[in-house]
């Protein structure tokens, strides 16, 4: 196994999804996590802690 990073290797069609997939995944996951936290913080800790946390 070589020690070079994925970003140091030449660009090929097979390596493009490996670089782009984390960005797409976080674009999908992050808004849903923010929405869930927006629902859960006020329920469990009240509205005042929600303003302090964000």
Protein backbone atom coordinates (compact mmCIF):
# COMPACT_ATOMS: atom_id res chain seq x y z
CA UNK A 1 0.00 0.00 0.00
CA UNK A 2 1.44 3.35 -0.99
CA UNK A 3 1.64 6.30 1.37
CA UNK A 4 0.40 9.00 -1.00
CA UNK A 5 -2.81 10.81 -0.21
CA UNK A 6 -5.84 10.51 -2.47
CA UNK A 7 -5.48 14.19 -3.40
CA UNK A 8 -1.84 13.69 -4.50
CA UNK A 9 -2.66 10.97 -7.04
CA UNK A 10 -3.48 11.70 -10.69
CA UNK A 11 -7.13 12.45 -11.46
CA UNK A 12 -9.03 9.52 -12.97
CA UNK A 13 -12.71 8.78 -13.40
CA UNK A 14 -12.60 6.26 -10.55
CA UNK A 15 -11.05 8.71 -8.08
CA UNK A 16 -13.47 11.58 -8.73
CA UNK A 17 -16.36 9.98 -6.74
CA UNK A 18 -14.00 9.29 -3.83
CA UNK A 19 -13.25 13.01 -3.59
CA UNK A 20 -16.77 14.30 -4.28
CA UNK A 21 -18.77 11.77 -2.22
CA UNK A 22 -17.94 13.24 1.24
CA UNK A 23 -19.09 16.70 0.15
CA UNK A 24 -22.35 15.34 -1.26
CA UNK A 25 -22.92 13.23 1.84
CA UNK A 26 -22.43 16.18 4.20
CA UNK A 27 -24.70 18.34 2.02
CA UNK A 28 -27.46 15.80 2.63
CA UNK A 29 -26.76 15.02 6.30
CA UNK A 30 -25.99 18.48 7.73
CA UNK A 31 -29.38 20.13 7.08
CA UNK A 32 -31.26 17.19 8.56
CA UNK A 33 -29.04 17.23 11.67
CA UNK A 34 -29.59 20.97 12.07
CA UNK A 35 -33.32 20.51 11.71
CA UNK A 36 -33.39 17.74 14.31
CA UNK A 37 -31.33 19.83 16.75
CA UNK A 38 -33.73 22.73 16.18
CA UNK A 39 -36.59 20.49 17.25
CA UNK A 40 -34.84 18.75 20.16
CA UNK A 41 -33.08 21.65 21.88
CA UNK A 42 -36.24 23.62 22.70
CA UNK A 43 -38.09 20.50 23.83
CA UNK A 44 -35.47 19.30 26.30
CA UNK A 45 -33.70 22.48 27.39
CA UNK A 46 -36.15 25.30 26.71
CA UNK A 47 -35.94 28.24 24.41
CA UNK A 48 -33.30 30.19 26.35
CA UNK A 49 -30.60 27.51 25.97
CA UNK A 50 -31.37 27.27 22.26
CA UNK A 51 -30.51 30.95 21.80
CA UNK A 52 -27.30 30.54 23.79
CA UNK A 53 -26.19 27.44 21.88
CA UNK A 54 -26.68 28.90 18.44
